[in-house]
Amino acid sequence: MVEIIAELCQNHNGDPHLLKEMLWSAAENGADYAKMQIIFSEDLTFREGFEDGLVEDNIIKTIKRPYSSEYERLKKLDLEISTYEMFIDECISAGIKPMATIFTRDKIEMAKTIGFKEIKVASYDCASHKFISELKDNFDRLIISTGATFLNEIQKTTDILKDYNFSLLHCVTMYPTPLEQLNLHKINFLKKYCNATGFSDHTDLQKNNLTSCIIALWLGADIIERHFTVLEPDKTKDGIVSLNPEKLKSLVELSQMNKDELFELVQKIDNYEKIFAVRTSRSSNGN
């Protein structure tokens, strides 16, 4: 049975009522998990290289994300601890499992005390091995994105998690991700490290509909994570890569199809072979 994670991310815009509306909508449209992010503006650190960014030969080496503007953006998204507690209570009432991404080690105890049992690990922390060890010791399950991570780093992470309940997700951190950059065959490649693998999808919904998810499911994804919103795409930072309730319901229906049914859909996709073509230089590029 494929698991569907509705990533509510920053689409709540700092509004607890909107967060509640989203999780109930995710539940009503068939998602297995509603996921939020435990992130606070106070945790942001100044990094000089991000002030102006770095571009060489028309290639972005370091993104431009100045501290002051990023802090002000995140400050508007800060939630009270009571909102996280409400989130778990409402998920239980709605019949959907709660999950959270933790970004800093000092928030592990907070997440555990609030009552989170299952944790998502973002790509850039797949190789944070001290962090991974501490999460393992405090939660029942980890779902880990492997983007921006070298193969030897993934191997070490899976060694740490031996005999523990974890899953790996292929993902690309480019928002939105062009279809030709998806490298979806990595979903099955990751099965050498664990039994259940999947795909965290950041493609442009308006441009590509559910194309990437169809191919990922056909290739054997056990988990699909997609951003989710009840707002119009231009009303949140992540709106361009977020499913609305109608599309989430469609994704759930796709996840219930068998392989032959999915392949019929795959064959209708132009140049579908290029979308899952294998590139072996890195594990993936994703969050």
Protein backbone atom coordinates (compact mmCIF):
# COMPACT_ATOMS: atom_id res chain seq x y z
CA MET A 1 0.00 0.00 0.00
CA VAL A 2 1.48 3.32 -1.08
CA GLU A 3 1.69 6.00 1.63
CA ILE A 4 0.83 9.59 0.70
CA ILE A 5 2.36 12.43 2.71
CA ALA A 6 0.76 15.87 2.43
CA GLU A 7 3.55 18.31 3.22
CA LEU A 8 1.88 21.43 4.63
CA CYS A 9 5.28 23.15 4.89
CA GLN A 10 5.06 26.95 4.94
CA ASN A 11 1.67 27.03 3.23
CA HIS A 12 -0.01 27.87 6.55
CA ASN A 13 1.40 31.42 6.26
CA GLY A 14 1.74 31.53 10.06
CA ASP A 15 -2.02 31.08 10.56
CA PRO A 16 -3.03 28.19 12.90
CA HIS A 17 -6.57 28.21 11.50
CA LEU A 18 -5.25 27.73 7.97
CA LEU A 19 -3.00 24.92 9.22
CA LYS A 20 -6.02 23.20 10.73
CA GLU A 21 -8.03 23.63 7.52
CA MET A 22 -5.20 22.11 5.49
CA LEU A 23 -4.78 19.02 7.64
CA TRP A 24 -8.50 18.30 7.62
CA SER A 25 -8.61 18.74 3.85
CA ALA A 26 -5.61 16.42 3.47
CA ALA A 27 -7.40 13.80 5.55
CA GLU A 28 -10.69 14.17 3.68
CA ASN A 29 -8.90 13.71 0.34
CA GLY A 30 -7.13 10.52 1.34
CA ALA A 31 -3.61 11.41 2.50
CA ASP A 32 -2.06 9.07 5.06
CA TYR A 33 0.08 11.75 6.72
CA ALA A 34 -0.14 15.47 7.30
CA LYS A 35 3.34 16.88 7.81
CA MET A 36 4.42 20.21 9.20
CA GLN A 37 7.82 21.77 9.83
CA ILE A 38 9.30 22.54 13.23
CA ILE A 39 11.21 25.63 12.23
CA PHE A 40 11.65 28.98 13.97
CA SER A 41 13.17 32.26 12.83
CA GLU A 42 15.36 32.28 15.93
CA ASP A 43 17.23 29.24 14.57
CA LEU A 44 18.38 31.04 11.42
CA THR A 45 22.13 31.66 11.30
CA PHE A 46 24.06 34.29 9.37
CA ARG A 47 26.07 32.84 6.46
CA GLU A 48 28.17 35.35 4.59
CA GLY A 49 28.17 33.38 1.34
CA PHE A 50 24.39 33.66 1.08
CA GLU A 51 24.33 37.46 1.32
CA ASP A 52 25.20 37.99 -2.34
CA GLY A 53 25.27 34.40 -3.61
CA LEU A 54 27.77 33.12 -6.14
CA VAL A 55 27.30 32.63 -9.90
CA GLU A 56 30.12 31.24 -12.06
CA ASP A 57 29.82 30.61 -15.80
CA ASN A 58 26.06 31.20 -15.56
CA ILE A 59 25.78 28.43 -12.94
CA ILE A 60 24.44 29.25 -9.48
CA LYS A 61 27.01 27.92 -7.02
CA THR A 62 25.45 29.52 -3.95
CA ILE A 63 21.92 30.90 -3.83
CA LYS A 64 21.36 34.50 -2.82
CA ARG A 65 19.39 34.51 0.43
CA PRO A 66 20.33 37.47 2.65
CA TYR A 67 19.95 36.90 6.38
CA SER A 68 17.79 39.95 7.14
CA SER A 69 15.13 39.29 4.52
CA GLU A 70 15.05 35.55 5.25
CA TYR A 71 14.67 36.24 8.96
CA GLU A 72 11.74 38.58 8.34
CA ARG A 73 10.10 35.99 6.07
CA LEU A 74 10.48 33.20 8.61
CA LYS A 75 9.36 35.43 11.50
CA LYS A 76 5.92 35.70 9.89
CA LEU A 77 5.70 31.89 9.82
CA ASP A 78 6.60 31.27 13.47
CA LEU A 79 4.01 29.18 15.33
CA GLU A 80 3.40 28.76 19.04
CA ILE A 81 4.16 25.42 20.69
CA SER A 82 0.45 25.18 21.43
CA THR A 83 -0.19 25.19 17.66
CA TYR A 84 2.01 22.13 17.22
CA GLU A 85 0.08 20.44 20.04
CA MET A 86 -3.18 21.40 18.34
CA PHE A 87 -1.86 19.93 15.09
CA ILE A 88 -1.40 16.49 16.62
CA ASP A 89 -4.80 16.58 18.34
CA GLU A 90 -6.55 17.64 15.14
CA CYS A 91 -4.75 14.98 13.09
CA ILE A 92 -5.99 12.32 15.49
CA SER A 93 -9.53 13.70 15.23
CA ALA A 94 -9.32 13.84 11.42
CA GLY A 95 -7.98 10.29 11.15
CA ILE A 96 -4.65 11.25 9.58
CA LYS A 97 -1.18 10.55 10.99
CA PRO A 98 0.89 13.55 12.13
CA MET A 99 4.50 13.95 11.05
CA ALA A 100 7.04 16.75 11.33
CA THR A 101 10.38 17.75 9.89
CA ILE A 102 12.91 18.82 12.51
CA PHE A 103 15.74 21.06 11.37
CA THR A 104 17.79 21.53 14.54
CA ARG A 105 19.00 19.12 17.22
CA ASP A 106 17.75 21.35 20.04
CA LYS A 107 14.14 20.86 18.87
CA ILE A 108 14.21 17.06 19.22
CA GLU A 109 13.06 17.10 22.83
CA MET A 110 10.30 19.60 22.01
CA ALA A 111 8.96 17.40 19.19
CA LYS A 112 9.09 14.30 21.38
CA THR A 113 7.35 16.02 24.30
CA ILE A 114 4.60 17.37 22.04
CA GLY A 115 3.92 13.83 20.89
CA PHE A 116 5.38 13.35 17.40
CA LYS A 117 6.27 9.70 16.75
CA GLU A 118 7.34 9.80 13.09
CA ILE A 119 9.83 12.30 11.71
CA LYS A 120 10.83 13.42 8.23
CA VAL A 121 14.49 14.29 7.67
CA ALA A 122 15.21 16.88 4.98
CA SER A 123 17.83 16.15 2.32
CA TYR A 124 20.54 18.36 3.72
CA ASP A 125 20.38 16.45 7.00
CA CYS A 126 20.63 12.98 5.48
CA ALA A 127 24.37 13.21 6.13
CA SER A 128 24.00 14.85 9.57
CA HIS A 129 24.91 11.61 11.27
CA LYS A 130 24.91 12.83 14.88
CA PHE A 131 21.46 14.27 14.25
CA ILE A 132 20.28 11.00 12.66
CA SER A 133 21.50 9.02 15.68
CA GLU A 134 19.62 11.27 18.10
CA LEU A 135 16.43 11.10 16.05
CA LYS A 136 16.69 7.30 16.01
CA ASP A 137 16.88 7.27 19.80
CA ASN A 138 13.78 9.42 20.25
CA PHE A 139 11.24 8.50 17.56
CA ASP A 140 9.57 5.41 16.13
CA ARG A 141 10.23 6.01 12.44
CA LEU A 142 12.29 8.22 10.15
CA ILE A 143 11.56 9.05 6.51
CA ILE A 144 14.69 10.53 4.99
CA SER A 145 15.16 12.46 1.77
CA THR A 146 18.50 11.66 0.14
CA GLY A 147 19.01 14.62 -2.17
CA ALA A 148 22.28 16.59 -2.15
CA THR A 149 23.86 13.54 -0.51
CA PHE A 150 26.74 11.37 -1.74
CA LEU A 151 26.33 7.60 -1.82
CA ASN A 152 28.86 7.00 0.93
CA GLU A 153 26.91 9.40 3.16
CA ILE A 154 23.68 7.50 2.51
CA GLN A 155 25.49 4.26 3.32
CA LYS A 156 26.70 5.62 6.66
CA THR A 157 23.21 6.87 7.51
CA THR A 158 21.70 3.46 6.77
CA ASP A 159 24.41 1.77 8.81
CA ILE A 160 23.40 3.95 11.77
CA LEU A 161 19.76 2.95 11.22
CA LYS A 162 20.36 -0.78 10.91
CA ASP A 163 17.45 -2.75 12.46
CA TYR A 164 15.45 0.48 12.78
CA ASN A 165 12.20 1.52 11.03
CA PHE A 166 13.19 3.96 8.28
CA SER A 167 12.53 4.77 4.64
CA LEU A 168 14.46 6.71 2.00
CA LEU A 169 13.01 9.18 -0.50
CA HIS A 170 14.51 10.26 -3.78
CA CYS A 171 14.11 13.99 -4.31
CA VAL A 172 15.48 17.03 -6.13
CA THR A 173 15.83 20.37 -4.35
CA MET A 174 15.26 22.47 -7.44
CA TYR A 175 11.94 24.30 -6.96
CA PRO A 176 10.20 23.63 -9.27
CA THR A 177 12.04 20.61 -10.66
CA PRO A 178 12.13 20.20 -14.47
CA LEU A 179 10.92 16.75 -15.48
CA GLU A 180 14.18 15.96 -17.28
CA GLN A 181 16.09 16.47 -14.00
CA LEU A 182 14.07 13.99 -11.93
CA ASN A 183 16.22 10.86 -12.35
CA LEU A 184 13.38 8.75 -11.00
CA HIS A 185 15.11 5.40 -11.31
CA LYS A 186 16.88 6.29 -8.07
CA ILE A 187 13.69 5.24 -6.29
CA ASN A 188 14.53 1.60 -6.93
CA PHE A 189 18.28 2.13 -6.54
CA LEU A 190 17.64 3.18 -2.93
CA LYS A 191 16.01 -0.18 -2.23
CA LYS A 192 19.49 -1.64 -1.73
CA TYR A 193 19.56 0.34 1.52
CA CYS A 194 16.02 -0.24 2.81
CA ASN A 195 12.78 -1.98 1.90
CA ALA A 196 10.45 1.02 1.48
CA THR A 197 11.51 3.90 -0.76
CA GLY A 198 9.69 6.75 -2.40
CA PHE A 199 9.73 10.18 -3.96
CA SER A 200 9.47 13.70 -2.59
CA ASP A 201 8.13 15.65 -5.57
CA HIS A 202 8.73 19.35 -6.27
CA THR A 203 7.59 19.62 -9.87
CA ASP A 204 5.39 22.42 -11.17
CA LEU A 205 1.78 21.24 -10.78
CA GLN A 206 0.31 23.76 -13.22
CA LYS A 207 2.82 22.87 -15.92
CA ASN A 208 3.21 19.11 -15.41
CA ASN A 209 0.08 17.98 -13.55
CA LEU A 210 0.81 14.61 -11.85
CA THR A 211 3.18 13.29 -14.52
CA SER A 212 6.11 12.77 -12.15
CA CYS A 213 3.99 10.94 -9.60
CA ILE A 214 2.53 8.61 -12.23
CA ILE A 215 6.01 7.55 -13.32
CA ALA A 216 7.27 7.27 -9.73
CA LEU A 217 4.37 5.01 -8.79
CA TRP A 218 4.90 2.86 -11.89
CA LEU A 219 8.59 2.54 -10.98
CA GLY A 220 7.66 1.18 -7.56
CA ALA A 221 7.50 4.12 -5.15
CA ASP A 222 6.15 3.03 -1.76
CA ILE A 223 5.82 6.62 -0.54
CA ILE A 224 4.91 9.86 -2.31
CA GLU A 225 5.41 13.18 -0.56
CA ARG A 226 3.96 16.33 -2.10
CA HIS A 227 3.42 19.85 -0.86
CA PHE A 228 -0.22 20.64 -0.23
CA THR A 229 -2.31 23.80 0.04
CA VAL A 230 -5.94 24.89 0.07
CA LEU A 231 -4.97 28.32 -1.28
CA GLU A 232 -4.36 29.55 -4.79
CA PRO A 233 -0.78 28.88 -6.02
CA ASP A 234 0.25 32.53 -5.79
CA LYS A 235 -0.81 32.88 -2.15
CA THR A 236 2.11 30.96 -0.61
CA LYS A 237 5.83 30.64 -1.29
CA ASP A 238 5.49 26.93 -2.12
CA GLY A 239 2.24 27.21 -4.01
CA ILE A 240 3.78 26.47 -7.40
CA VAL A 241 4.81 22.95 -6.29
CA SER A 242 1.77 22.26 -4.10
CA LEU A 243 -1.23 20.04 -4.76
CA ASN A 244 -4.71 21.41 -4.14
CA PRO A 245 -7.41 19.14 -2.63
CA GLU A 246 -8.64 17.96 -6.05
CA LYS A 247 -5.13 16.98 -7.17
CA LEU A 248 -4.39 15.27 -3.86
CA LYS A 249 -7.50 13.13 -4.32
CA SER A 250 -6.33 12.28 -7.85
CA LEU A 251 -2.89 11.29 -6.51
CA VAL A 252 -4.49 8.99 -3.95
CA GLU A 253 -6.52 7.34 -6.72
CA LEU A 254 -3.34 6.88 -8.80
CA SER A 255 -1.60 5.28 -5.83
CA GLN A 256 -4.29 2.61 -5.75
CA MET A 257 -3.75 1.55 -9.38
CA ASN A 258 -1.86 -1.58 -10.31
CA LYS A 259 1.34 -1.54 -12.39
CA ASP A 260 -0.39 -2.32 -15.68
CA GLU A 261 -2.89 0.50 -15.19
CA LEU A 262 -0.08 2.90 -14.38
CA PHE A 263 1.92 1.83 -17.42
CA GLU A 264 -1.00 2.67 -19.68
CA LEU A 265 -0.80 6.20 -18.31
CA VAL A 266 2.99 6.30 -18.55
CA GLN A 267 2.90 5.44 -22.25
CA LYS A 268 0.83 8.55 -22.90
CA ILE A 269 3.58 10.79 -21.47
CA ASP A 270 5.88 12.39 -24.07
CA ASN A 271 9.51 11.25 -23.74
CA TYR A 272 8.77 9.42 -20.51
CA GLU A 273 12.05 7.48 -20.75
CA LYS A 274 14.04 10.70 -20.28
CA ILE A 275 12.18 11.50 -17.06
CA PHE A 276 13.52 8.44 -15.27
CA ALA A 277 16.88 8.21 -17.06
CA VAL A 278 19.71 7.26 -14.71
CA ARG A 279 22.57 9.62 -13.96
CA THR A 280 25.10 8.12 -11.58
CA SER A 281 27.30 11.04 -10.51
CA ARG A 282 25.32 11.61 -7.30
CA SER A 283 22.52 9.96 -5.41
CA SER A 284 20.12 12.77 -6.33
CA ASN A 285 19.91 16.50 -5.87
CA GLY A 286 16.95 16.81 -3.58
CA ASN A 287 15.29 17.88 -0.35
